[in-house]
Amino acid sequence: MSSLRKTALVTGAGQSIGRGIAIRLAKEGADIVLVDSDATLLRATAEEITKVGRRVSVFLSDLTTQAQFFEAVDHAEKTFGRLDIMVNNPGFEKQCLNADISYDDVARLINHSVQSTHWGIQAAADKFRQRCQKGTIINVSSSAGHENPTLIDIHTASKMAVRVLTQAASKDLAPAGVVVTLQCFGSIIPTARYVS
């Protein structure tokens, strides 16, 4: 989908993958709403987008509740008059490779990857339906969601769940003209410049 004259909302936009996606969409012509919990990192990303001549707005949130996703989407519409592209980029937590991982750690990882992606799809799709418009939802996951040699790995399970969730949403939303896609990345090693 061309990002020319579009508005894109990117979660986890303060650093790493989210930052790169936001800047790339801006270079392709989109105005950007940046969402993250770190104001300093968001400011740096916003400055890069301003340099390429696109409008940018910051929505500071940790996106730990369903309501926050709907608020972020409403912010995009109020700021730029529309939302066309939703990038669900929950970020990647450290891989958990053993069977002794605690219940709380499992719950946090699943919520972090799967639940936040689900809420992002909901919020964007709801806005697209309200406006009777087509749109694009891009879910960011990991190559771990396709293949991982580790037999016990909750990280892999969470990424596979995001893949299946994307497939289901793609089929469900296609009749409304909403494209739902998945972008999977391998290991990302941030440079010192982007580490807080």
N, C-alpha and C. Protein backbone atom coordinates (compact mmCIF):
# COMPACT_ATOMS: atom_id res chain seq x y z
N MET A 1 0.84 -1.20 0.00
CA MET A 1 0.00 0.00 0.00
C MET A 1 0.88 1.24 0.00
N SER A 2 0.60 2.17 -0.90
CA SER A 2 1.37 3.41 -0.93
C SER A 2 1.05 4.24 0.30
N SER A 3 2.10 4.81 0.91
CA SER A 3 1.89 5.64 2.10
C SER A 3 1.76 7.12 1.75
N LEU A 4 1.74 7.45 0.44
CA LEU A 4 1.63 8.84 0.02
C LEU A 4 0.32 9.44 0.50
N ARG A 5 0.42 10.59 1.19
CA ARG A 5 -0.74 11.30 1.72
C ARG A 5 -1.57 10.46 2.68
N LYS A 6 -0.94 9.56 3.38
CA LYS A 6 -1.62 8.73 4.36
C LYS A 6 -1.20 9.14 5.76
N THR A 7 -1.98 8.68 6.74
CA THR A 7 -1.59 8.83 8.14
C THR A 7 -1.34 7.45 8.72
N ALA A 8 -0.19 7.26 9.32
CA ALA A 8 0.19 5.97 9.90
C ALA A 8 0.41 6.13 11.39
N LEU A 9 -0.07 5.15 12.14
CA LEU A 9 0.18 5.09 13.58
C LEU A 9 1.12 3.92 13.83
N VAL A 10 2.22 4.18 14.52
CA VAL A 10 3.22 3.14 14.77
C VAL A 10 3.43 3.00 16.27
N THR A 11 3.15 1.81 16.81
CA THR A 11 3.39 1.57 18.23
C THR A 11 4.83 1.09 18.42
N GLY A 12 5.34 1.28 19.63
CA GLY A 12 6.73 0.92 19.89
C GLY A 12 7.68 1.71 19.03
N ALA A 13 7.34 2.98 18.77
CA ALA A 13 8.06 3.77 17.77
C ALA A 13 9.29 4.49 18.31
N GLY A 14 9.60 4.30 19.59
CA GLY A 14 10.72 5.02 20.17
C GLY A 14 12.09 4.51 19.76
N GLN A 15 12.19 3.26 19.36
CA GLN A 15 13.50 2.71 19.05
C GLN A 15 13.38 1.48 18.16
N SER A 16 14.51 1.01 17.71
CA SER A 16 14.65 -0.26 16.99
C SER A 16 13.69 -0.37 15.81
N ILE A 17 12.96 -1.47 15.71
CA ILE A 17 12.10 -1.74 14.56
C ILE A 17 11.03 -0.67 14.39
N GLY A 18 10.35 -0.32 15.47
CA GLY A 18 9.29 0.67 15.38
C GLY A 18 9.79 2.00 14.87
N ARG A 19 10.95 2.41 15.36
CA ARG A 19 11.54 3.67 14.91
C ARG A 19 11.85 3.63 13.42
N GLY A 20 12.45 2.51 12.99
CA GLY A 20 12.79 2.37 11.58
C GLY A 20 11.56 2.38 10.68
N ILE A 21 10.51 1.69 11.11
CA ILE A 21 9.28 1.66 10.31
C ILE A 21 8.67 3.05 10.21
N ALA A 22 8.62 3.77 11.32
CA ALA A 22 8.04 5.11 11.32
C ALA A 22 8.79 6.04 10.37
N ILE A 23 10.10 6.00 10.42
CA ILE A 23 10.89 6.87 9.55
C ILE A 23 10.73 6.47 8.09
N ARG A 24 10.69 5.18 7.82
CA ARG A 24 10.51 4.72 6.44
C ARG A 24 9.15 5.16 5.88
N LEU A 25 8.10 5.02 6.67
CA LEU A 25 6.78 5.46 6.21
C LEU A 25 6.75 6.96 5.96
N ALA A 26 7.44 7.72 6.81
CA ALA A 26 7.52 9.17 6.62
C ALA A 26 8.24 9.50 5.32
N LYS A 27 9.31 8.80 5.03
CA LYS A 27 10.06 9.04 3.80
C LYS A 27 9.23 8.70 2.57
N GLU A 28 8.26 7.79 2.74
CA GLU A 28 7.39 7.44 1.63
C GLU A 28 6.18 8.36 1.52
N GLY A 29 6.09 9.34 2.43
CA GLY A 29 5.07 10.36 2.29
C GLY A 29 3.98 10.38 3.32
N ALA A 30 4.05 9.54 4.33
CA ALA A 30 2.98 9.49 5.34
C ALA A 30 3.25 10.46 6.48
N ASP A 31 2.16 10.98 7.05
CA ASP A 31 2.25 11.66 8.33
C ASP A 31 2.18 10.59 9.40
N ILE A 32 2.87 10.80 10.52
CA ILE A 32 3.07 9.72 11.48
C ILE A 32 2.62 10.09 12.89
N VAL A 33 1.92 9.16 13.52
CA VAL A 33 1.64 9.24 14.95
C VAL A 33 2.53 8.21 15.63
N LEU A 34 3.39 8.67 16.53
CA LEU A 34 4.32 7.82 17.24
C LEU A 34 3.76 7.47 18.60
N VAL A 35 3.77 6.19 18.94
CA VAL A 35 3.26 5.75 20.23
C VAL A 35 4.33 4.94 20.95
N ASP A 36 4.62 5.32 22.18
CA ASP A 36 5.57 4.59 23.02
C ASP A 36 5.45 5.15 24.42
N SER A 37 6.15 4.53 25.36
CA SER A 37 6.09 4.99 26.75
C SER A 37 7.27 5.86 27.15
N ASP A 38 8.25 6.02 26.27
CA ASP A 38 9.46 6.77 26.58
C ASP A 38 9.48 8.08 25.79
N ALA A 39 9.23 9.18 26.47
CA ALA A 39 9.13 10.48 25.81
C ALA A 39 10.44 10.89 25.14
N THR A 40 11.56 10.58 25.76
CA THR A 40 12.86 10.96 25.20
C THR A 40 13.12 10.26 23.87
N LEU A 41 12.86 8.96 23.84
CA LEU A 41 13.05 8.21 22.60
C LEU A 41 12.09 8.67 21.52
N LEU A 42 10.85 8.94 21.89
CA LEU A 42 9.88 9.42 20.91
C LEU A 42 10.29 10.76 20.33
N ARG A 43 10.86 11.62 21.16
CA ARG A 43 11.29 12.93 20.68
C ARG A 43 12.36 12.79 19.60
N ALA A 44 13.29 11.85 19.81
CA ALA A 44 14.34 11.64 18.81
C ALA A 44 13.76 11.13 17.50
N THR A 45 12.80 10.21 17.57
CA THR A 45 12.16 9.71 16.36
C THR A 45 11.39 10.82 15.66
N ALA A 46 10.68 11.63 16.44
CA ALA A 46 9.90 12.73 15.88
C ALA A 46 10.79 13.72 15.13
N GLU A 47 11.96 13.98 15.68
CA GLU A 47 12.89 14.91 15.02
C GLU A 47 13.33 14.37 13.67
N GLU A 48 13.56 13.07 13.57
CA GLU A 48 13.96 12.47 12.30
C GLU A 48 12.84 12.60 11.27
N ILE A 49 11.61 12.43 11.71
CA ILE A 49 10.48 12.52 10.78
C ILE A 49 10.28 13.96 10.32
N THR A 50 10.45 14.90 11.23
CA THR A 50 10.35 16.31 10.85
C THR A 50 11.39 16.67 9.80
N LYS A 51 12.56 16.09 9.89
CA LYS A 51 13.64 16.37 8.94
C LYS A 51 13.27 15.95 7.51
N VAL A 52 12.43 14.91 7.39
CA VAL A 52 12.07 14.48 6.03
C VAL A 52 10.82 15.20 5.53
N GLY A 53 10.35 16.17 6.32
CA GLY A 53 9.28 17.03 5.85
C GLY A 53 7.87 16.53 6.06
N ARG A 54 7.69 15.58 6.94
CA ARG A 54 6.34 15.07 7.21
C ARG A 54 5.86 15.56 8.57
N ARG A 55 4.56 15.59 8.73
CA ARG A 55 3.98 15.96 10.02
C ARG A 55 4.07 14.77 10.97
N VAL A 56 4.24 15.09 12.25
CA VAL A 56 4.39 14.02 13.24
C VAL A 56 3.70 14.44 14.53
N SER A 57 3.10 13.47 15.20
CA SER A 57 2.50 13.70 16.51
C SER A 57 2.90 12.56 17.44
N VAL A 58 3.01 12.88 18.71
CA VAL A 58 3.44 11.89 19.70
C VAL A 58 2.29 11.58 20.65
N PHE A 59 2.07 10.30 20.89
CA PHE A 59 1.07 9.85 21.86
C PHE A 59 1.79 8.98 22.87
N LEU A 60 1.97 9.51 24.08
CA LEU A 60 2.74 8.82 25.11
C LEU A 60 1.85 7.82 25.84
N SER A 61 2.18 6.54 25.72
CA SER A 61 1.38 5.49 26.36
C SER A 61 2.16 4.19 26.40
N ASP A 62 1.92 3.38 27.43
CA ASP A 62 2.55 2.07 27.49
C ASP A 62 1.67 0.99 26.85
N LEU A 63 0.45 1.37 26.42
CA LEU A 63 -0.45 0.46 25.70
C LEU A 63 -0.66 -0.86 26.44
N THR A 64 -0.97 -0.76 27.71
CA THR A 64 -1.21 -1.98 28.49
C THR A 64 -2.69 -2.28 28.66
N THR A 65 -3.55 -1.40 28.13
CA THR A 65 -4.99 -1.65 28.21
C THR A 65 -5.61 -1.48 26.84
N GLN A 66 -6.75 -2.12 26.65
CA GLN A 66 -7.48 -2.02 25.39
C GLN A 66 -7.86 -0.57 25.11
N ALA A 67 -8.29 0.14 26.14
CA ALA A 67 -8.74 1.52 25.96
C ALA A 67 -7.65 2.41 25.41
N GLN A 68 -6.40 2.16 25.79
CA GLN A 68 -5.30 3.01 25.32
C GLN A 68 -5.11 2.91 23.81
N PHE A 69 -5.36 1.74 23.23
CA PHE A 69 -5.26 1.60 21.79
C PHE A 69 -6.32 2.43 21.08
N PHE A 70 -7.55 2.38 21.60
CA PHE A 70 -8.62 3.18 21.01
C PHE A 70 -8.34 4.67 21.16
N GLU A 71 -7.76 5.06 22.29
CA GLU A 71 -7.39 6.46 22.51
C GLU A 71 -6.31 6.91 21.52
N ALA A 72 -5.33 6.03 21.27
CA ALA A 72 -4.26 6.37 20.32
C ALA A 72 -4.82 6.55 18.92
N VAL A 73 -5.71 5.66 18.52
CA VAL A 73 -6.33 5.76 17.19
C VAL A 73 -7.18 7.03 17.09
N ASP A 74 -7.94 7.35 18.13
CA ASP A 74 -8.71 8.59 18.14
C ASP A 74 -7.79 9.81 18.05
N HIS A 75 -6.65 9.74 18.73
CA HIS A 75 -5.68 10.83 18.67
C HIS A 75 -5.20 11.04 17.24
N ALA A 76 -4.92 9.95 16.53
CA ALA A 76 -4.47 10.06 15.13
C ALA A 76 -5.52 10.76 14.28
N GLU A 77 -6.77 10.35 14.46
CA GLU A 77 -7.84 10.95 13.66
C GLU A 77 -8.03 12.43 13.99
N LYS A 78 -8.01 12.76 15.28
CA LYS A 78 -8.20 14.15 15.68
C LYS A 78 -7.04 15.03 15.23
N THR A 79 -5.85 14.47 15.20
CA THR A 79 -4.67 15.26 14.85
C THR A 79 -4.54 15.47 13.35
N PHE A 80 -4.72 14.41 12.57
CA PHE A 80 -4.49 14.48 11.13
C PHE A 80 -5.75 14.27 10.29
N GLY A 81 -6.88 14.05 10.96
CA GLY A 81 -8.13 13.93 10.22
C GLY A 81 -8.44 12.55 9.69
N ARG A 82 -7.52 11.60 9.88
CA ARG A 82 -7.73 10.27 9.34
C ARG A 82 -6.69 9.30 9.89
N LEU A 83 -6.97 8.03 9.70
CA LEU A 83 -5.98 6.97 9.96
C LEU A 83 -6.07 6.00 8.81
N ASP A 84 -4.93 5.67 8.22
CA ASP A 84 -4.89 4.76 7.07
C ASP A 84 -4.08 3.50 7.32
N ILE A 85 -3.03 3.64 8.13
CA ILE A 85 -2.11 2.53 8.36
C ILE A 85 -1.88 2.37 9.86
N MET A 86 -2.07 1.16 10.35
CA MET A 86 -1.82 0.85 11.75
C MET A 86 -0.68 -0.15 11.82
N VAL A 87 0.38 0.19 12.53
CA VAL A 87 1.51 -0.72 12.70
C VAL A 87 1.54 -1.18 14.15
N ASN A 88 1.20 -2.45 14.36
CA ASN A 88 1.24 -3.03 15.71
C ASN A 88 2.62 -3.63 15.95
N ASN A 89 3.43 -2.89 16.68
CA ASN A 89 4.80 -3.31 16.93
C ASN A 89 5.04 -3.35 18.43
N PRO A 90 4.66 -4.46 19.08
CA PRO A 90 4.79 -4.52 20.54
C PRO A 90 6.22 -4.63 21.04
N GLY A 91 7.17 -4.83 20.14
CA GLY A 91 8.56 -5.00 20.57
C GLY A 91 8.80 -6.42 21.01
N PHE A 92 10.04 -6.73 21.28
CA PHE A 92 10.41 -8.10 21.62
C PHE A 92 11.07 -8.15 22.98
N GLU A 93 10.53 -8.98 23.84
CA GLU A 93 11.16 -9.19 25.13
C GLU A 93 12.19 -10.31 25.00
N LYS A 94 13.00 -10.43 26.03
CA LYS A 94 14.02 -11.47 26.03
C LYS A 94 13.38 -12.85 25.89
N GLN A 95 13.99 -13.69 25.06
CA GLN A 95 13.46 -15.03 24.87
C GLN A 95 13.55 -15.84 26.15
N CYS A 96 12.51 -16.65 26.38
CA CYS A 96 12.46 -17.51 27.56
C CYS A 96 12.66 -18.94 27.09
N LEU A 97 13.75 -19.55 27.44
CA LEU A 97 14.13 -20.80 26.82
C LEU A 97 14.04 -22.01 27.73
N ASN A 98 13.44 -21.89 28.90
CA ASN A 98 13.41 -23.06 29.77
C ASN A 98 12.02 -23.31 30.33
N ALA A 99 11.82 -24.50 30.83
CA ALA A 99 10.50 -24.91 31.30
C ALA A 99 10.17 -24.34 32.67
N ASP A 100 11.11 -23.65 33.31
CA ASP A 100 10.89 -23.14 34.65
C ASP A 100 10.40 -21.70 34.69
N ILE A 101 10.04 -21.14 33.54
CA ILE A 101 9.55 -19.77 33.49
C ILE A 101 8.29 -19.66 34.35
N SER A 102 8.17 -18.56 35.07
CA SER A 102 7.07 -18.40 36.01
C SER A 102 5.76 -18.08 35.30
N TYR A 103 4.67 -18.29 36.02
CA TYR A 103 3.34 -17.98 35.49
C TYR A 103 3.25 -16.50 35.11
N ASP A 104 3.74 -15.62 35.98
CA ASP A 104 3.67 -14.18 35.72
C ASP A 104 4.47 -13.80 34.48
N ASP A 105 5.63 -14.42 34.29
CA ASP A 105 6.44 -14.12 33.12
C ASP A 105 5.75 -14.57 31.83
N VAL A 106 5.11 -15.73 31.89
CA VAL A 106 4.36 -16.22 30.72
C VAL A 106 3.23 -15.26 30.40
N ALA A 107 2.48 -14.89 31.42
CA ALA A 107 1.35 -13.99 31.21
C ALA A 107 1.80 -12.65 30.63
N ARG A 108 2.92 -12.12 31.14
CA ARG A 108 3.42 -10.84 30.65
C ARG A 108 3.84 -10.94 29.18
N LEU A 109 4.50 -12.01 28.83
CA LEU A 109 4.96 -12.17 27.45
C LEU A 109 3.79 -12.34 26.49
N ILE A 110 2.81 -13.16 26.86
CA ILE A 110 1.65 -13.36 26.01
C ILE A 110 0.87 -12.06 25.86
N ASN A 111 0.68 -11.36 26.97
CA ASN A 111 -0.02 -10.07 26.90
C ASN A 111 0.73 -9.08 26.03
N HIS A 112 2.04 -9.08 26.19
CA HIS A 112 2.89 -8.14 25.47
C HIS A 112 2.80 -8.36 23.96
N SER A 113 2.84 -9.58 23.52
CA SER A 113 2.85 -9.88 22.09
C SER A 113 1.45 -10.05 21.50
N VAL A 114 0.68 -10.93 22.08
CA VAL A 114 -0.58 -11.35 21.47
C VAL A 114 -1.72 -10.38 21.79
N GLN A 115 -1.90 -10.10 23.06
CA GLN A 115 -3.02 -9.26 23.47
C GLN A 115 -2.91 -7.87 22.88
N SER A 116 -1.72 -7.27 22.91
CA SER A 116 -1.58 -5.92 22.38
C SER A 116 -1.80 -5.88 20.87
N THR A 117 -1.37 -6.93 20.17
CA THR A 117 -1.62 -6.99 18.73
C THR A 117 -3.12 -7.08 18.46
N HIS A 118 -3.81 -7.91 19.23
CA HIS A 118 -5.25 -8.06 19.08
C HIS A 118 -5.97 -6.74 19.30
N TRP A 119 -5.59 -6.04 20.36
CA TRP A 119 -6.23 -4.75 20.63
C TRP A 119 -5.94 -3.73 19.54
N GLY A 120 -4.72 -3.75 19.01
CA GLY A 120 -4.39 -2.84 17.92
C GLY A 120 -5.22 -3.10 16.68
N ILE A 121 -5.42 -4.37 16.36
CA ILE A 121 -6.28 -4.73 15.23
C ILE A 121 -7.70 -4.23 15.48
N GLN A 122 -8.21 -4.48 16.68
CA GLN A 122 -9.57 -4.05 17.03
C GLN A 122 -9.74 -2.55 16.85
N ALA A 123 -8.82 -1.78 17.42
CA ALA A 123 -8.95 -0.33 17.40
C ALA A 123 -8.90 0.23 15.99
N ALA A 124 -7.98 -0.26 15.18
CA ALA A 124 -7.86 0.23 13.81
C ALA A 124 -9.06 -0.19 12.97
N ALA A 125 -9.45 -1.46 13.08
CA ALA A 125 -10.58 -1.95 12.29
C ALA A 125 -11.86 -1.21 12.65
N ASP A 126 -12.04 -0.92 13.93
CA ASP A 126 -13.22 -0.18 14.36
C ASP A 126 -13.26 1.20 13.71
N LYS A 127 -12.10 1.86 13.67
CA LYS A 127 -12.05 3.19 13.06
C LYS A 127 -12.28 3.12 11.56
N PHE A 128 -11.71 2.13 10.88
CA PHE A 128 -11.92 1.98 9.44
C PHE A 128 -13.40 1.74 9.14
N ARG A 129 -14.05 0.92 9.96
CA ARG A 129 -15.48 0.64 9.75
C ARG A 129 -16.32 1.89 9.99
N GLN A 130 -15.98 2.65 11.04
CA GLN A 130 -16.72 3.88 11.33
C GLN A 130 -16.70 4.82 10.14
N ARG A 131 -15.55 4.91 9.50
CA ARG A 131 -15.37 5.85 8.40
C ARG A 131 -15.67 5.21 7.03
N CYS A 132 -16.07 3.94 7.06
CA CYS A 132 -16.37 3.22 5.80
C CYS A 132 -15.22 3.36 4.81
N GLN A 133 -14.00 3.13 5.30
CA GLN A 133 -12.83 3.29 4.46
C GLN A 133 -11.97 2.03 4.45
N LYS A 134 -11.15 1.93 3.43
CA LYS A 134 -10.16 0.87 3.38
C LYS A 134 -8.99 1.26 4.28
N GLY A 135 -8.18 0.28 4.65
CA GLY A 135 -7.03 0.58 5.49
C GLY A 135 -6.06 -0.58 5.51
N THR A 136 -4.94 -0.36 6.13
CA THR A 136 -3.90 -1.40 6.24
C THR A 136 -3.48 -1.55 7.69
N ILE A 137 -3.41 -2.79 8.13
CA ILE A 137 -2.91 -3.12 9.47
C ILE A 137 -1.69 -4.00 9.30
N ILE A 138 -0.57 -3.57 9.84
CA ILE A 138 0.68 -4.32 9.74
C ILE A 138 1.07 -4.79 11.14
N ASN A 139 1.10 -6.08 11.33
CA ASN A 139 1.51 -6.65 12.61
C ASN A 139 2.98 -7.06 12.52
N VAL A 140 3.75 -6.64 13.49
CA VAL A 140 5.18 -6.95 13.51
C VAL A 140 5.42 -8.12 14.45
N SER A 141 6.12 -9.12 13.95
CA SER A 141 6.42 -10.30 14.74
C SER A 141 7.89 -10.66 14.54
N SER A 142 8.20 -11.92 14.72
CA SER A 142 9.57 -12.39 14.66
C SER A 142 9.66 -13.65 13.82
N SER A 143 10.84 -13.90 13.27
CA SER A 143 11.06 -15.16 12.55
C SER A 143 10.86 -16.35 13.47
N ALA A 144 10.91 -16.12 14.78
CA ALA A 144 10.67 -17.19 15.75
C ALA A 144 9.26 -17.75 15.61
N GLY A 145 8.36 -16.96 15.03
CA GLY A 145 7.00 -17.41 14.84
C GLY A 145 6.82 -18.39 13.71
N HIS A 146 7.88 -18.63 12.97
CA HIS A 146 7.83 -19.58 11.85
C HIS A 146 8.60 -20.85 12.14
N GLU A 147 9.77 -20.69 12.77
CA GLU A 147 10.59 -21.87 13.03
C GLU A 147 11.57 -21.57 14.15
N ASN A 148 11.65 -22.47 15.10
CA ASN A 148 12.60 -22.32 16.19
C ASN A 148 12.98 -23.71 16.67
N PRO A 149 14.26 -24.03 16.75
CA PRO A 149 14.67 -25.38 17.14
C PRO A 149 14.44 -25.71 18.61
N THR A 150 14.17 -24.70 19.42
CA THR A 150 13.97 -24.94 20.84
C THR A 150 12.61 -25.58 21.08
N LEU A 151 12.58 -26.65 21.85
CA LEU A 151 11.33 -27.37 22.08
C LEU A 151 10.43 -26.65 23.07
N ILE A 152 11.02 -25.99 24.06
CA ILE A 152 10.24 -25.30 25.08
C ILE A 152 10.60 -23.82 25.03
N ASP A 153 9.74 -23.03 24.40
CA ASP A 153 10.05 -21.63 24.20
C ASP A 153 8.75 -20.84 24.11
N ILE A 154 8.37 -20.17 25.16
CA ILE A 154 7.12 -19.41 25.17
C ILE A 154 7.19 -18.22 24.23
N HIS A 155 8.39 -17.70 24.01
CA HIS A 155 8.57 -16.60 23.06
C HIS A 155 8.12 -17.04 21.67
N THR A 156 8.56 -18.22 21.24
CA THR A 156 8.15 -18.75 19.95
C THR A 156 6.65 -18.94 19.89
N ALA A 157 6.07 -19.48 20.95
CA ALA A 157 4.63 -19.71 20.98
C ALA A 157 3.87 -18.40 20.83
N SER A 158 4.34 -17.35 21.48
CA SER A 158 3.65 -16.06 21.38
C SER A 158 3.73 -15.49 19.97
N LYS A 159 4.87 -15.67 19.31
CA LYS A 159 5.02 -15.15 17.96
C LYS A 159 4.20 -15.97 16.96
N MET A 160 4.10 -17.27 17.19
CA MET A 160 3.23 -18.09 16.34
C MET A 160 1.77 -17.67 16.51
N ALA A 161 1.39 -17.31 17.73
CA ALA A 161 0.03 -16.86 17.99
C ALA A 161 -0.27 -15.56 17.23
N VAL A 162 0.70 -14.66 17.18
CA VAL A 162 0.52 -13.42 16.42
C VAL A 162 0.33 -13.72 14.93
N ARG A 163 1.06 -14.70 14.43
CA ARG A 163 0.91 -15.09 13.03
C ARG A 163 -0.49 -15.60 12.75
N VAL A 164 -0.99 -16.48 13.60
CA VAL A 164 -2.33 -17.04 13.41
C VAL A 164 -3.39 -15.94 13.57
N LEU A 165 -3.20 -15.06 14.53
CA LEU A 165 -4.12 -13.95 14.73
C LEU A 165 -4.18 -13.07 13.49
N THR A 166 -3.04 -12.83 12.88
CA THR A 166 -2.98 -12.02 11.66
C THR A 166 -3.73 -12.71 10.52
N GLN A 167 -3.51 -14.01 10.37
CA GLN A 167 -4.21 -14.74 9.31
C GLN A 167 -5.72 -14.67 9.48
N ALA A 168 -6.19 -14.84 10.71
CA ALA A 168 -7.62 -14.79 10.98
C ALA A 168 -8.19 -13.40 10.71
N ALA A 169 -7.47 -12.36 11.16
CA ALA A 169 -7.94 -10.99 10.94
C ALA A 169 -7.95 -10.64 9.46
N SER A 170 -6.96 -11.15 8.72
CA SER A 170 -6.89 -10.89 7.29
C SER A 170 -8.13 -11.41 6.58
N LYS A 171 -8.53 -12.62 6.91
CA LYS A 171 -9.73 -13.21 6.30
C LYS A 171 -10.99 -12.47 6.73
N ASP A 172 -11.06 -12.12 8.00
CA ASP A 172 -12.25 -11.48 8.54
C ASP A 172 -12.46 -10.08 7.99
N LEU A 173 -11.37 -9.32 7.82
CA LEU A 173 -11.48 -7.92 7.44
C LEU A 173 -11.37 -7.66 5.94
N ALA A 174 -10.97 -8.66 5.18
CA ALA A 174 -10.80 -8.48 3.73
C ALA A 174 -12.07 -7.97 3.04
N PRO A 175 -13.25 -8.49 3.37
CA PRO A 175 -14.46 -8.00 2.69
C PRO A 175 -14.71 -6.50 2.90
N ALA A 176 -14.16 -5.94 3.99
CA ALA A 176 -14.33 -4.51 4.26
C ALA A 176 -13.24 -3.67 3.62
N GLY A 177 -12.33 -4.32 2.88
CA GLY A 177 -11.25 -3.59 2.23
C GLY A 177 -10.08 -3.28 3.14
N VAL A 178 -9.99 -4.00 4.25
CA VAL A 178 -8.87 -3.80 5.18
C VAL A 178 -7.85 -4.91 4.97
N VAL A 179 -6.64 -4.52 4.67
CA VAL A 179 -5.55 -5.47 4.45
C VAL A 179 -4.79 -5.66 5.76
N VAL A 180 -4.64 -6.89 6.18
CA VAL A 180 -3.91 -7.19 7.41
C VAL A 180 -2.72 -8.07 7.03
N THR A 181 -1.52 -7.59 7.33
CA THR A 181 -0.32 -8.31 6.94
C THR A 181 0.60 -8.51 8.14
N LEU A 182 1.57 -9.39 7.95
CA LEU A 182 2.54 -9.70 9.01
C LEU A 182 3.95 -9.46 8.49
N GLN A 183 4.74 -8.76 9.27
CA GLN A 183 6.15 -8.55 8.97
C GLN A 183 6.97 -9.24 10.05
N CYS A 184 7.81 -10.17 9.64
CA CYS A 184 8.62 -10.93 10.60
C CYS A 184 10.09 -10.57 10.43
N PHE A 185 10.74 -10.26 11.54
CA PHE A 185 12.14 -9.88 11.53
C PHE A 185 12.96 -10.92 12.30
N GLY A 186 14.22 -11.01 11.94
CA GLY A 186 15.13 -11.87 12.67
C GLY A 186 15.72 -11.12 13.84
N SER A 187 16.93 -11.47 14.25
CA SER A 187 17.58 -10.80 15.37
C SER A 187 17.89 -9.36 15.02
N ILE A 188 17.54 -8.47 15.93
CA ILE A 188 17.81 -7.05 15.75
C ILE A 188 18.82 -6.62 16.80
N ILE A 189 19.94 -6.08 16.35
CA ILE A 189 20.99 -5.62 17.27
C ILE A 189 21.03 -4.10 17.17
N PRO A 190 20.52 -3.40 18.18
CA PRO A 190 20.51 -1.94 18.12
C PRO A 190 21.92 -1.36 18.23
N THR A 191 22.14 -0.23 17.56
CA THR A 191 23.42 0.45 17.69
C THR A 191 23.38 1.27 18.97
N ALA A 192 24.53 1.70 19.42
CA ALA A 192 24.61 2.45 20.67
C ALA A 192 23.79 3.73 20.60
N ARG A 193 23.60 4.27 19.39
CA ARG A 193 22.88 5.53 19.23
C ARG A 193 21.43 5.41 19.70
N TYR A 194 20.84 4.22 19.56
CA TYR A 194 19.42 4.06 19.85
C TYR A 194 19.15 3.40 21.21
N VAL A 195 20.16 3.13 21.97
CA VAL A 195 19.97 2.49 23.26
C VAL A 195 19.85 3.54 24.33
N SER A 196 18.78 3.45 25.13
CA SER A 196 18.58 4.46 26.17
C SER A 196 19.48 4.17 27.36
